[in-house]
N, C-alpha and C. Protein backbone atom coordinates (compact mmCIF):
# COMPACT_ATOMS: atom_id res chain seq x y z
N UNK A 1 105.94 52.06 154.41
CA UNK A 1 106.64 51.26 155.41
C UNK A 1 107.65 52.10 156.18
N UNK A 2 108.42 52.92 155.45
CA UNK A 2 109.42 53.77 156.09
C UNK A 2 108.76 54.80 157.00
N UNK A 3 107.61 55.31 156.56
CA UNK A 3 106.89 56.29 157.38
C UNK A 3 106.40 55.67 158.69
N UNK A 4 105.94 54.40 158.61
CA UNK A 4 105.48 53.72 159.81
C UNK A 4 106.62 53.52 160.80
N UNK A 5 107.78 53.14 160.27
CA UNK A 5 108.95 52.95 161.14
C UNK A 5 109.36 54.28 161.76
N UNK A 6 109.36 55.33 160.92
CA UNK A 6 109.72 56.66 161.41
C UNK A 6 108.76 57.13 162.50
N UNK A 7 107.47 56.96 162.27
CA UNK A 7 106.47 57.37 163.26
C UNK A 7 106.60 56.58 164.56
N UNK A 8 106.88 55.29 164.41
CA UNK A 8 107.05 54.45 165.60
C UNK A 8 108.24 54.92 166.43
N UNK A 9 109.34 55.23 165.76
CA UNK A 9 110.54 55.66 166.47
C UNK A 9 110.33 57.01 167.15
N UNK A 10 109.64 57.93 166.46
CA UNK A 10 109.36 59.24 167.05
C UNK A 10 108.45 59.09 168.26
N UNK A 11 107.41 58.26 168.10
CA UNK A 11 106.48 58.03 169.21
C UNK A 11 107.20 57.39 170.40
N UNK A 12 108.07 56.44 170.11
CA UNK A 12 108.82 55.76 171.17
C UNK A 12 109.73 56.75 171.90
N UNK A 13 110.38 57.63 171.13
CA UNK A 13 111.27 58.62 171.73
C UNK A 13 110.49 59.61 172.60
N UNK A 14 109.37 60.10 172.07
CA UNK A 14 108.54 61.04 172.83
C UNK A 14 108.02 60.40 174.11
N UNK A 15 107.61 59.15 174.00
CA UNK A 15 107.10 58.44 175.17
C UNK A 15 108.18 58.29 176.23
N UNK A 16 109.40 57.96 175.80
CA UNK A 16 110.51 57.80 176.74
C UNK A 16 110.83 59.12 177.43
N UNK A 17 110.81 60.22 176.65
CA UNK A 17 111.09 61.54 177.22
C UNK A 17 110.03 61.93 178.25
N UNK A 18 108.75 61.77 177.87
CA UNK A 18 107.68 62.13 178.79
C UNK A 18 107.71 61.28 180.05
N UNK A 19 107.90 59.98 179.88
CA UNK A 19 107.93 59.09 181.05
C UNK A 19 109.11 59.41 181.96
N UNK A 20 110.24 59.76 181.36
CA UNK A 20 111.43 60.10 182.14
C UNK A 20 111.20 61.38 182.95
N UNK A 21 110.47 62.34 182.36
CA UNK A 21 110.15 63.57 183.08
C UNK A 21 109.15 63.30 184.19
N UNK A 22 108.09 62.58 183.86
CA UNK A 22 106.99 62.38 184.80
C UNK A 22 107.41 61.58 186.04
N UNK A 23 108.37 60.70 185.87
CA UNK A 23 108.80 59.89 187.03
C UNK A 23 109.50 60.75 188.07
N UNK A 24 109.96 61.94 187.68
CA UNK A 24 110.62 62.84 188.63
C UNK A 24 109.63 63.81 189.29
N UNK A 25 108.41 63.85 188.78
CA UNK A 25 107.43 64.82 189.28
C UNK A 25 106.69 64.30 190.51
N UNK A 26 106.20 65.22 191.30
CA UNK A 26 105.34 64.87 192.43
C UNK A 26 103.92 65.34 192.13
N UNK A 27 102.95 64.72 192.81
CA UNK A 27 101.56 64.97 192.50
C UNK A 27 100.81 65.42 193.75
N UNK A 28 99.93 66.38 193.58
CA UNK A 28 99.06 66.82 194.67
C UNK A 28 97.66 67.06 194.10
N UNK A 29 96.65 66.70 194.87
CA UNK A 29 95.27 66.78 194.36
C UNK A 29 94.37 67.54 195.32
N UNK A 30 93.26 68.00 194.77
CA UNK A 30 92.23 68.67 195.57
C UNK A 30 90.86 68.18 195.11
N UNK A 31 90.01 67.89 196.05
CA UNK A 31 88.64 67.42 195.79
C UNK A 31 88.60 66.03 195.15
N UNK A 32 89.63 65.23 195.34
CA UNK A 32 89.60 63.88 194.77
C UNK A 32 88.49 63.05 195.39
N UNK A 33 88.09 63.42 196.61
CA UNK A 33 87.01 62.70 197.27
C UNK A 33 85.71 62.80 196.47
N UNK A 34 85.54 63.92 195.73
CA UNK A 34 84.35 64.08 194.88
C UNK A 34 84.37 63.01 193.78
N UNK A 35 85.54 62.84 193.17
CA UNK A 35 85.68 61.83 192.12
C UNK A 35 85.52 60.42 192.68
N UNK A 36 86.15 60.14 193.81
CA UNK A 36 86.08 58.81 194.42
C UNK A 36 84.64 58.44 194.76
N UNK A 37 83.92 59.38 195.32
CA UNK A 37 82.52 59.13 195.69
C UNK A 37 81.67 58.88 194.45
N UNK A 38 81.92 59.66 193.39
CA UNK A 38 81.17 59.48 192.16
C UNK A 38 81.43 58.11 191.56
N UNK A 39 82.68 57.68 191.60
CA UNK A 39 83.04 56.39 191.00
C UNK A 39 82.42 55.21 191.76
N UNK A 40 82.14 55.41 193.03
CA UNK A 40 81.57 54.33 193.85
C UNK A 40 80.05 54.28 193.78
N UNK A 41 79.44 55.20 193.05
CA UNK A 41 77.98 55.36 193.10
C UNK A 41 77.23 54.55 192.05
N UNK A 42 77.93 53.67 191.35
CA UNK A 42 77.30 52.79 190.36
C UNK A 42 76.67 53.56 189.20
N UNK A 43 77.32 54.65 188.83
CA UNK A 43 76.95 55.42 187.64
C UNK A 43 78.23 55.85 186.95
N UNK A 44 78.25 55.89 185.61
CA UNK A 44 79.47 56.31 184.90
C UNK A 44 79.86 57.74 185.25
N UNK A 45 81.15 58.03 185.12
CA UNK A 45 81.68 59.36 185.41
C UNK A 45 82.21 59.97 184.12
N UNK A 46 81.87 61.23 183.90
CA UNK A 46 82.27 61.96 182.69
C UNK A 46 83.10 63.15 183.11
N UNK A 47 84.41 63.11 182.79
CA UNK A 47 85.33 64.18 183.18
C UNK A 47 85.54 65.15 182.02
N UNK A 48 85.39 66.43 182.29
CA UNK A 48 85.55 67.47 181.27
C UNK A 48 86.81 68.28 181.54
N UNK A 49 87.58 68.57 180.51
CA UNK A 49 88.79 69.36 180.70
C UNK A 49 89.14 70.09 179.41
N UNK A 50 90.13 70.97 179.49
CA UNK A 50 90.64 71.66 178.31
C UNK A 50 91.81 70.90 177.71
N UNK A 51 91.92 70.99 176.40
CA UNK A 51 92.91 70.22 175.63
C UNK A 51 94.34 70.51 176.09
N UNK A 52 94.62 71.72 176.50
CA UNK A 52 95.98 72.11 176.86
C UNK A 52 96.51 71.39 178.09
N UNK A 53 95.60 70.82 178.89
CA UNK A 53 96.01 70.15 180.13
C UNK A 53 95.86 68.63 180.07
N UNK A 54 95.51 68.11 178.89
CA UNK A 54 95.18 66.69 178.86
C UNK A 54 96.39 65.79 179.07
N UNK A 55 97.58 66.21 178.65
CA UNK A 55 98.77 65.40 178.91
C UNK A 55 98.95 65.19 180.41
N UNK A 56 98.77 66.27 181.18
CA UNK A 56 98.90 66.17 182.63
C UNK A 56 97.82 65.27 183.23
N UNK A 57 96.59 65.44 182.74
CA UNK A 57 95.47 64.66 183.29
C UNK A 57 95.61 63.19 182.96
N UNK A 58 95.97 62.89 181.71
CA UNK A 58 96.17 61.49 181.32
C UNK A 58 97.30 60.86 182.12
N UNK A 59 98.38 61.61 182.32
CA UNK A 59 99.51 61.07 183.07
C UNK A 59 99.17 60.89 184.55
N UNK A 60 98.24 61.71 185.06
CA UNK A 60 97.79 61.53 186.45
C UNK A 60 97.11 60.17 186.63
N UNK A 61 96.20 59.84 185.71
CA UNK A 61 95.51 58.55 185.81
C UNK A 61 96.47 57.40 185.56
N UNK A 62 97.48 57.62 184.73
CA UNK A 62 98.53 56.62 184.56
C UNK A 62 99.27 56.42 185.89
N UNK A 63 99.56 57.54 186.55
CA UNK A 63 100.32 57.49 187.79
C UNK A 63 99.59 56.73 188.90
N UNK A 64 98.26 56.91 188.97
CA UNK A 64 97.50 56.21 190.02
C UNK A 64 96.95 54.87 189.52
N UNK A 65 97.34 54.51 188.29
CA UNK A 65 96.94 53.22 187.70
C UNK A 65 95.43 53.06 187.68
N UNK A 66 94.75 54.09 187.18
CA UNK A 66 93.30 54.07 187.10
C UNK A 66 92.89 54.09 185.63
N UNK A 67 92.20 53.07 185.16
CA UNK A 67 91.83 52.99 183.73
C UNK A 67 90.69 53.94 183.37
N UNK A 68 90.89 54.71 182.31
CA UNK A 68 89.83 55.60 181.82
C UNK A 68 89.70 55.48 180.31
N UNK A 69 88.57 55.96 179.81
CA UNK A 69 88.34 56.07 178.38
C UNK A 69 88.54 57.52 177.95
N UNK A 70 88.93 57.70 176.70
CA UNK A 70 89.02 59.03 176.15
C UNK A 70 88.77 58.97 174.65
N UNK A 71 88.75 60.13 174.02
CA UNK A 71 88.51 60.25 172.58
C UNK A 71 89.76 60.78 171.91
N UNK A 72 90.16 60.17 170.81
CA UNK A 72 91.32 60.62 170.07
C UNK A 72 90.96 60.77 168.60
N UNK A 73 91.33 61.88 168.03
CA UNK A 73 91.03 62.15 166.62
C UNK A 73 91.71 61.12 165.72
N UNK A 74 91.09 60.89 164.57
CA UNK A 74 91.67 59.97 163.59
C UNK A 74 92.66 60.68 162.67
N UNK A 75 92.83 61.98 162.85
CA UNK A 75 93.76 62.73 162.02
C UNK A 75 95.17 62.24 162.25
N UNK A 76 95.99 62.23 161.20
CA UNK A 76 97.34 61.69 161.30
C UNK A 76 98.20 62.42 162.32
N UNK A 77 97.90 63.69 162.56
CA UNK A 77 98.66 64.45 163.56
C UNK A 77 98.40 63.94 164.98
N UNK A 78 97.30 63.22 165.16
CA UNK A 78 96.95 62.72 166.49
C UNK A 78 97.49 61.33 166.76
N UNK A 79 98.06 60.69 165.74
CA UNK A 79 98.52 59.33 165.90
C UNK A 79 99.63 59.21 166.96
N UNK A 80 100.52 60.20 166.99
CA UNK A 80 101.63 60.16 167.95
C UNK A 80 101.12 60.10 169.38
N UNK A 81 100.27 61.08 169.72
CA UNK A 81 99.78 61.15 171.08
C UNK A 81 98.86 59.98 171.40
N UNK A 82 98.12 59.49 170.40
CA UNK A 82 97.23 58.34 170.62
C UNK A 82 98.05 57.12 171.03
N UNK A 83 99.19 56.92 170.38
CA UNK A 83 100.05 55.79 170.72
C UNK A 83 100.58 55.90 172.15
N UNK A 84 100.95 57.11 172.55
CA UNK A 84 101.45 57.33 173.91
C UNK A 84 100.34 57.08 174.93
N UNK A 85 99.14 57.58 174.64
CA UNK A 85 98.03 57.39 175.57
C UNK A 85 97.68 55.92 175.74
N UNK A 86 97.74 55.16 174.66
CA UNK A 86 97.50 53.73 174.75
C UNK A 86 98.55 53.06 175.63
N UNK A 87 99.80 53.46 175.47
CA UNK A 87 100.86 52.91 176.30
C UNK A 87 100.68 53.26 177.77
N UNK A 88 100.00 54.36 178.02
CA UNK A 88 99.72 54.76 179.40
C UNK A 88 98.50 54.05 179.98
N UNK A 89 97.84 53.24 179.18
CA UNK A 89 96.72 52.46 179.68
C UNK A 89 95.34 53.03 179.40
N UNK A 90 95.27 54.12 178.63
CA UNK A 90 93.97 54.67 178.29
C UNK A 90 93.31 53.86 177.17
N UNK A 91 92.01 53.70 177.28
CA UNK A 91 91.23 53.08 176.20
C UNK A 91 90.69 54.21 175.32
N UNK A 92 90.94 54.12 174.02
CA UNK A 92 90.60 55.23 173.13
C UNK A 92 89.44 54.91 172.20
N UNK A 93 88.58 55.90 172.05
CA UNK A 93 87.55 55.90 171.02
C UNK A 93 88.05 56.82 169.92
N UNK A 94 88.21 56.30 168.72
CA UNK A 94 88.79 57.10 167.64
C UNK A 94 87.71 57.87 166.89
N UNK A 95 87.93 59.16 166.76
CA UNK A 95 86.99 60.04 166.08
C UNK A 95 86.99 61.39 166.76
N UNK A 96 86.20 62.32 166.27
CA UNK A 96 86.14 63.66 166.85
C UNK A 96 84.85 64.33 166.41
N UNK A 97 84.65 65.55 166.92
CA UNK A 97 83.45 66.30 166.55
C UNK A 97 83.47 66.73 165.09
N UNK A 98 84.65 66.68 164.46
CA UNK A 98 84.76 67.09 163.06
C UNK A 98 84.95 65.91 162.11
N UNK A 99 85.22 64.73 162.67
CA UNK A 99 85.46 63.57 161.82
C UNK A 99 85.07 62.30 162.59
N UNK A 100 84.07 61.58 162.07
CA UNK A 100 83.66 60.32 162.70
C UNK A 100 82.87 60.50 163.99
N UNK A 101 82.12 61.61 164.11
CA UNK A 101 81.41 61.88 165.34
C UNK A 101 80.31 60.86 165.62
N UNK A 102 79.64 60.37 164.58
CA UNK A 102 78.58 59.38 164.79
C UNK A 102 79.15 58.11 165.41
N UNK A 103 80.36 57.73 164.99
CA UNK A 103 81.02 56.56 165.57
C UNK A 103 81.35 56.82 167.03
N UNK A 104 81.81 58.02 167.34
CA UNK A 104 82.14 58.37 168.73
C UNK A 104 80.91 58.26 169.61
N UNK A 105 79.78 58.78 169.14
CA UNK A 105 78.54 58.74 169.92
C UNK A 105 78.13 57.30 170.20
N UNK A 106 78.18 56.45 169.18
CA UNK A 106 77.80 55.05 169.36
C UNK A 106 78.70 54.36 170.37
N UNK A 107 80.00 54.62 170.28
CA UNK A 107 80.94 53.98 171.21
C UNK A 107 80.77 54.51 172.63
N UNK A 108 80.53 55.82 172.76
CA UNK A 108 80.31 56.39 174.09
C UNK A 108 79.08 55.79 174.75
N UNK A 109 78.04 55.59 173.98
CA UNK A 109 76.82 55.00 174.53
C UNK A 109 77.07 53.58 175.04
N UNK A 110 77.94 52.85 174.34
CA UNK A 110 78.31 51.51 174.80
C UNK A 110 79.11 51.58 176.09
N UNK A 111 80.05 52.53 176.13
CA UNK A 111 80.88 52.68 177.33
C UNK A 111 80.03 53.07 178.53
N UNK A 112 79.06 53.96 178.32
CA UNK A 112 78.22 54.43 179.42
C UNK A 112 77.35 53.32 180.01
N UNK A 113 77.14 52.26 179.26
CA UNK A 113 76.35 51.14 179.78
C UNK A 113 77.07 50.44 180.93
N UNK A 114 78.39 50.57 180.97
CA UNK A 114 79.17 50.06 182.09
C UNK A 114 79.12 51.10 183.20
N UNK A 115 78.45 50.80 184.29
CA UNK A 115 78.21 51.78 185.34
C UNK A 115 79.50 52.20 186.06
N UNK A 116 80.58 51.45 185.87
CA UNK A 116 81.85 51.79 186.52
C UNK A 116 82.80 52.53 185.59
N UNK A 117 82.36 52.86 184.39
CA UNK A 117 83.25 53.48 183.42
C UNK A 117 83.54 54.94 183.76
N UNK A 118 84.75 55.38 183.39
CA UNK A 118 85.15 56.78 183.55
C UNK A 118 85.65 57.25 182.19
N UNK A 119 85.05 58.33 181.70
CA UNK A 119 85.42 58.90 180.40
C UNK A 119 85.94 60.32 180.61
N UNK A 120 87.10 60.62 180.04
CA UNK A 120 87.66 61.97 180.11
C UNK A 120 87.77 62.52 178.69
N UNK A 121 87.22 63.70 178.47
CA UNK A 121 87.29 64.29 177.14
C UNK A 121 87.80 65.73 177.22
N UNK A 122 88.35 66.19 176.11
CA UNK A 122 88.75 67.59 175.98
C UNK A 122 87.64 68.30 175.24
N UNK A 123 86.88 69.12 175.93
CA UNK A 123 85.68 69.71 175.36
C UNK A 123 85.96 70.72 174.26
N UNK A 124 87.20 71.22 174.18
CA UNK A 124 87.55 72.16 173.11
C UNK A 124 88.33 71.49 171.98
N UNK A 125 88.53 70.17 172.07
CA UNK A 125 89.26 69.46 171.03
C UNK A 125 88.35 69.12 169.85
N UNK A 126 88.93 68.66 168.73
CA UNK A 126 90.37 68.45 168.54
C UNK A 126 91.15 69.67 168.02
N UNK A 127 90.46 70.69 167.55
CA UNK A 127 91.17 71.81 166.91
C UNK A 127 90.81 73.18 167.47
N UNK A 128 90.04 73.22 168.55
CA UNK A 128 89.70 74.50 169.13
C UNK A 128 88.45 75.11 168.53
N UNK A 129 88.21 76.38 168.78
CA UNK A 129 89.10 77.32 169.47
C UNK A 129 89.32 76.93 170.93
N UNK A 130 90.47 77.34 171.50
CA UNK A 130 90.79 76.93 172.86
C UNK A 130 89.81 77.45 173.89
N UNK A 131 89.49 76.57 174.84
CA UNK A 131 88.63 76.90 175.98
C UNK A 131 87.22 77.31 175.56
N UNK A 132 86.76 76.73 174.45
CA UNK A 132 85.38 76.90 174.00
C UNK A 132 84.81 75.50 173.80
N UNK A 133 83.85 75.12 174.62
CA UNK A 133 83.32 73.77 174.58
C UNK A 133 82.49 73.52 173.33
N UNK A 134 82.61 72.32 172.80
CA UNK A 134 81.78 71.90 171.67
C UNK A 134 80.40 71.49 172.18
N UNK A 135 79.43 71.60 171.33
CA UNK A 135 78.06 71.26 171.70
C UNK A 135 77.84 69.75 171.58
N UNK A 136 77.09 69.16 172.50
CA UNK A 136 76.62 67.79 172.34
C UNK A 136 77.16 66.77 173.32
N UNK A 137 78.44 66.82 173.65
CA UNK A 137 79.04 65.75 174.44
C UNK A 137 78.46 65.68 175.85
N UNK A 138 78.25 66.81 176.48
CA UNK A 138 77.74 66.81 177.85
C UNK A 138 76.29 66.33 177.88
N UNK A 139 75.50 66.74 176.91
CA UNK A 139 74.10 66.31 176.88
C UNK A 139 74.01 64.80 176.68
N UNK A 140 74.95 64.24 175.92
CA UNK A 140 74.98 62.79 175.74
C UNK A 140 75.26 62.11 177.08
N UNK A 141 76.18 62.69 177.87
CA UNK A 141 76.49 62.14 179.18
C UNK A 141 75.28 62.21 180.10
N UNK A 142 74.57 63.33 180.04
CA UNK A 142 73.39 63.50 180.88
C UNK A 142 72.31 62.47 180.52
N UNK A 143 72.11 62.29 179.22
CA UNK A 143 71.09 61.33 178.78
C UNK A 143 71.42 59.91 179.22
N UNK A 144 72.69 59.65 179.45
CA UNK A 144 73.11 58.31 179.89
C UNK A 144 73.38 58.26 181.39
N UNK A 145 72.85 59.26 182.10
CA UNK A 145 72.90 59.29 183.56
C UNK A 145 74.32 59.30 184.11
N UNK A 146 75.23 59.90 183.36
CA UNK A 146 76.62 59.98 183.83
C UNK A 146 76.79 61.18 184.76
N UNK A 147 77.72 61.06 185.68
CA UNK A 147 78.05 62.16 186.59
C UNK A 147 79.14 63.01 185.95
N UNK A 148 78.91 64.30 185.89
CA UNK A 148 79.80 65.20 185.15
C UNK A 148 80.65 66.01 186.13
N UNK A 149 81.96 65.91 185.97
CA UNK A 149 82.91 66.60 186.84
C UNK A 149 83.97 67.26 185.96
N UNK A 150 84.32 68.49 186.27
CA UNK A 150 85.43 69.16 185.57
C UNK A 150 86.73 68.80 186.27
N UNK A 151 87.78 68.63 185.49
CA UNK A 151 89.10 68.33 186.04
C UNK A 151 90.12 69.22 185.33
N UNK A 152 91.05 69.72 186.10
CA UNK A 152 92.12 70.53 185.51
C UNK A 152 93.43 70.18 186.17
N UNK A 153 94.52 70.58 185.54
CA UNK A 153 95.85 70.28 186.07
C UNK A 153 96.80 71.42 185.74
N UNK A 154 97.79 71.59 186.58
CA UNK A 154 98.78 72.64 186.42
C UNK A 154 100.11 72.13 186.94
N UNK A 155 101.20 72.55 186.33
CA UNK A 155 102.54 72.16 186.79
C UNK A 155 103.25 73.39 187.33
N UNK A 156 104.05 73.19 188.37
CA UNK A 156 104.77 74.32 188.97
C UNK A 156 105.78 74.92 188.00
N UNK A 157 106.34 74.07 187.13
CA UNK A 157 107.25 74.53 186.07
C UNK A 157 106.95 73.73 184.81
N UNK A 158 106.89 74.41 183.68
CA UNK A 158 106.51 73.69 182.46
C UNK A 158 106.98 74.42 181.21
N UNK A 159 106.98 73.65 180.11
CA UNK A 159 107.19 74.21 178.78
C UNK A 159 105.83 74.34 178.11
N UNK A 160 105.69 75.30 177.20
CA UNK A 160 104.46 75.47 176.43
C UNK A 160 104.72 75.09 174.98
N UNK A 161 103.94 74.15 174.48
CA UNK A 161 104.07 73.72 173.08
C UNK A 161 103.43 74.77 172.18
N UNK A 162 104.05 75.15 171.07
CA UNK A 162 103.48 76.16 170.17
C UNK A 162 102.36 75.60 169.30
N UNK A 163 101.32 75.10 169.94
CA UNK A 163 100.17 74.52 169.24
C UNK A 163 98.97 75.42 169.44
N UNK A 164 97.85 75.09 168.79
CA UNK A 164 96.65 75.94 168.87
C UNK A 164 96.16 76.10 170.31
N UNK A 165 96.39 75.09 171.15
CA UNK A 165 95.89 75.14 172.52
C UNK A 165 96.95 75.49 173.56
N UNK A 166 98.23 75.59 173.09
CA UNK A 166 99.35 75.85 174.00
C UNK A 166 99.44 74.79 175.09
N UNK A 167 99.48 73.54 174.64
CA UNK A 167 99.65 72.40 175.55
C UNK A 167 100.89 72.61 176.42
N UNK A 168 100.76 72.25 177.70
CA UNK A 168 101.91 72.38 178.58
C UNK A 168 102.51 71.01 178.90
N UNK A 169 103.84 70.99 178.99
CA UNK A 169 104.60 69.79 179.33
C UNK A 169 105.37 70.10 180.61
N UNK A 170 105.22 69.30 181.65
CA UNK A 170 105.92 69.61 182.91
C UNK A 170 107.43 69.48 182.76
N UNK A 171 108.13 70.34 183.48
CA UNK A 171 109.59 70.22 183.52
C UNK A 171 109.97 69.21 184.60
N UNK A 172 111.16 68.61 184.49
CA UNK A 172 111.59 67.64 185.49
C UNK A 172 111.53 68.20 186.91
N UNK A 173 111.11 67.34 187.83
CA UNK A 173 111.05 67.64 189.26
C UNK A 173 110.03 68.72 189.62
N UNK A 174 109.08 68.96 188.74
CA UNK A 174 108.02 69.91 189.06
C UNK A 174 106.93 69.21 189.87
N UNK A 175 106.07 70.01 190.46
CA UNK A 175 104.89 69.49 191.15
C UNK A 175 103.69 69.68 190.25
N UNK A 176 102.91 68.62 190.08
CA UNK A 176 101.72 68.69 189.24
C UNK A 176 100.49 68.69 190.14
N UNK A 177 99.65 69.71 189.97
CA UNK A 177 98.45 69.87 190.78
C UNK A 177 97.23 69.47 189.95
N UNK A 178 96.37 68.66 190.54
CA UNK A 178 95.16 68.20 189.86
C UNK A 178 93.96 68.56 190.73
N UNK A 179 92.99 69.20 190.11
CA UNK A 179 91.80 69.62 190.87
C UNK A 179 90.52 69.14 190.21
N UNK A 180 89.65 68.52 191.01
CA UNK A 180 88.33 68.09 190.56
C UNK A 180 87.29 69.11 191.05
N UNK A 181 86.28 69.34 190.22
CA UNK A 181 85.19 70.24 190.62
C UNK A 181 84.10 69.45 191.33
N UNK A 182 83.13 70.16 191.85
CA UNK A 182 81.91 69.52 192.31
C UNK A 182 81.15 69.04 191.07
N UNK A 183 80.22 68.13 191.28
CA UNK A 183 79.45 67.60 190.14
C UNK A 183 78.56 68.68 189.52
N UNK A 184 78.45 68.60 188.21
CA UNK A 184 77.51 69.45 187.49
C UNK A 184 76.14 68.80 187.51
N UNK A 185 75.13 69.54 187.94
CA UNK A 185 73.77 69.03 187.96
C UNK A 185 73.06 69.44 186.66
N UNK A 186 72.41 68.49 186.03
CA UNK A 186 71.76 68.75 184.75
C UNK A 186 70.76 69.90 184.84
N UNK A 187 70.09 70.03 185.97
CA UNK A 187 69.07 71.08 186.11
C UNK A 187 69.70 72.47 186.15
N UNK A 188 71.03 72.53 186.37
CA UNK A 188 71.71 73.82 186.45
C UNK A 188 72.06 74.38 185.07
N UNK A 189 71.98 73.55 184.03
CA UNK A 189 72.35 74.00 182.70
C UNK A 189 71.28 74.96 182.16
N UNK A 190 71.71 76.17 181.89
CA UNK A 190 70.81 77.19 181.38
C UNK A 190 71.41 77.83 180.14
N UNK A 191 70.55 78.22 179.20
CA UNK A 191 71.05 78.86 177.99
C UNK A 191 71.72 77.86 177.07
N UNK A 192 72.70 78.33 176.30
CA UNK A 192 73.40 77.47 175.36
C UNK A 192 74.32 76.51 176.10
N UNK A 193 74.25 75.24 175.73
CA UNK A 193 75.05 74.21 176.41
C UNK A 193 76.53 74.53 176.35
N UNK A 194 77.03 74.90 175.15
CA UNK A 194 78.47 75.11 175.00
C UNK A 194 78.98 76.26 175.86
N UNK A 195 78.17 77.31 176.01
CA UNK A 195 78.58 78.45 176.84
C UNK A 195 78.58 78.07 178.31
N UNK A 196 77.58 77.33 178.73
CA UNK A 196 77.48 76.93 180.13
C UNK A 196 78.62 75.98 180.50
N UNK A 197 78.89 75.00 179.62
CA UNK A 197 79.96 74.03 179.89
C UNK A 197 81.32 74.71 179.88
N UNK A 198 81.53 75.65 178.96
CA UNK A 198 82.78 76.40 178.92
C UNK A 198 83.02 77.10 180.25
N UNK A 199 81.98 77.71 180.77
CA UNK A 199 82.08 78.41 182.05
C UNK A 199 82.35 77.43 183.18
N UNK A 200 81.70 76.28 183.15
CA UNK A 200 81.86 75.24 184.18
C UNK A 200 83.31 74.75 184.24
N UNK A 201 83.90 74.46 183.09
CA UNK A 201 85.28 73.97 183.05
C UNK A 201 86.26 75.09 183.40
N UNK A 202 86.02 76.27 182.86
CA UNK A 202 86.94 77.39 183.08
C UNK A 202 86.96 77.82 184.54
N UNK A 203 85.84 77.73 185.21
CA UNK A 203 85.80 78.10 186.63
C UNK A 203 86.76 77.21 187.43
N UNK A 204 86.74 75.92 187.16
CA UNK A 204 87.65 75.00 187.84
C UNK A 204 89.09 75.25 187.40
N UNK A 205 89.27 75.53 186.10
CA UNK A 205 90.60 75.79 185.53
C UNK A 205 91.26 77.00 186.19
N UNK A 206 90.55 78.13 186.24
CA UNK A 206 91.13 79.36 186.79
C UNK A 206 91.25 79.31 188.31
N UNK A 207 90.33 78.60 188.96
CA UNK A 207 90.45 78.50 190.41
C UNK A 207 91.69 77.70 190.79
N UNK A 208 92.09 76.74 189.95
CA UNK A 208 93.31 75.99 190.19
C UNK A 208 94.53 76.88 190.00
N UNK A 209 94.55 77.66 188.92
CA UNK A 209 95.68 78.54 188.64
C UNK A 209 95.87 79.57 189.76
N UNK A 210 94.74 80.10 190.26
CA UNK A 210 94.82 81.14 191.28
C UNK A 210 94.96 80.58 192.69
N UNK A 211 94.75 79.28 192.85
CA UNK A 211 94.82 78.65 194.18
C UNK A 211 96.25 78.71 194.71
N UNK A 212 96.40 78.97 196.00
CA UNK A 212 97.71 79.02 196.64
C UNK A 212 98.27 77.62 196.93
N UNK A 213 97.45 76.60 196.64
CA UNK A 213 97.86 75.20 196.75
C UNK A 213 98.19 74.76 198.18
N UNK A 214 97.63 75.47 199.16
CA UNK A 214 97.91 75.15 200.55
C UNK A 214 97.23 73.86 200.99
N UNK A 215 95.98 73.65 200.53
CA UNK A 215 95.20 72.52 201.01
C UNK A 215 95.17 71.36 200.02
N UNK A 216 96.11 71.30 199.10
CA UNK A 216 96.24 70.15 198.21
C UNK A 216 96.92 69.01 198.98
N UNK A 217 96.56 67.78 198.65
CA UNK A 217 97.16 66.64 199.36
C UNK A 217 97.78 65.66 198.37
């Protein structure tokens, strides 16, 4: 009982801190028209990203009040962030590639039946290695006729959490940049799925970091 109260208070405090920071930030996007067009096409959308940027990406969808689905590990270390994500309006499927994966697959298949659904996952989660995609998730999306888009985010000023993925937290009054890639076509996947998907996400990730941010809106 005491642990539950303690966890609730910590989660509440973290949520207040993050929300207080994010309300001071400004947002700029690139290629959002790709995402908007995909969402209007009567097929589910599957967003791929790296774990280190998921706080920014989740907060972006919170900011624009757009409901999405995501996957959260059942490990006790994930409970804090899962509670915050729920408060931000995300619908969570509990499980991971290392624990409860069969449940995740079944739930994803149900979500994909809704042609307007949007699912965002961290392809290198829940424990890494960082920026190395796990096998299986993208092929599941393809089998369910989902549109696959990479998404990444960067903050002009941020702190780095000393975690396996070096999650970044934006500093107050920073600008957060969000970039969507062009759609991944299933026929373009060659060789090992995990290597191809890693390259697909990383290309969008590094192009955002190197971008001069002139044409973001």
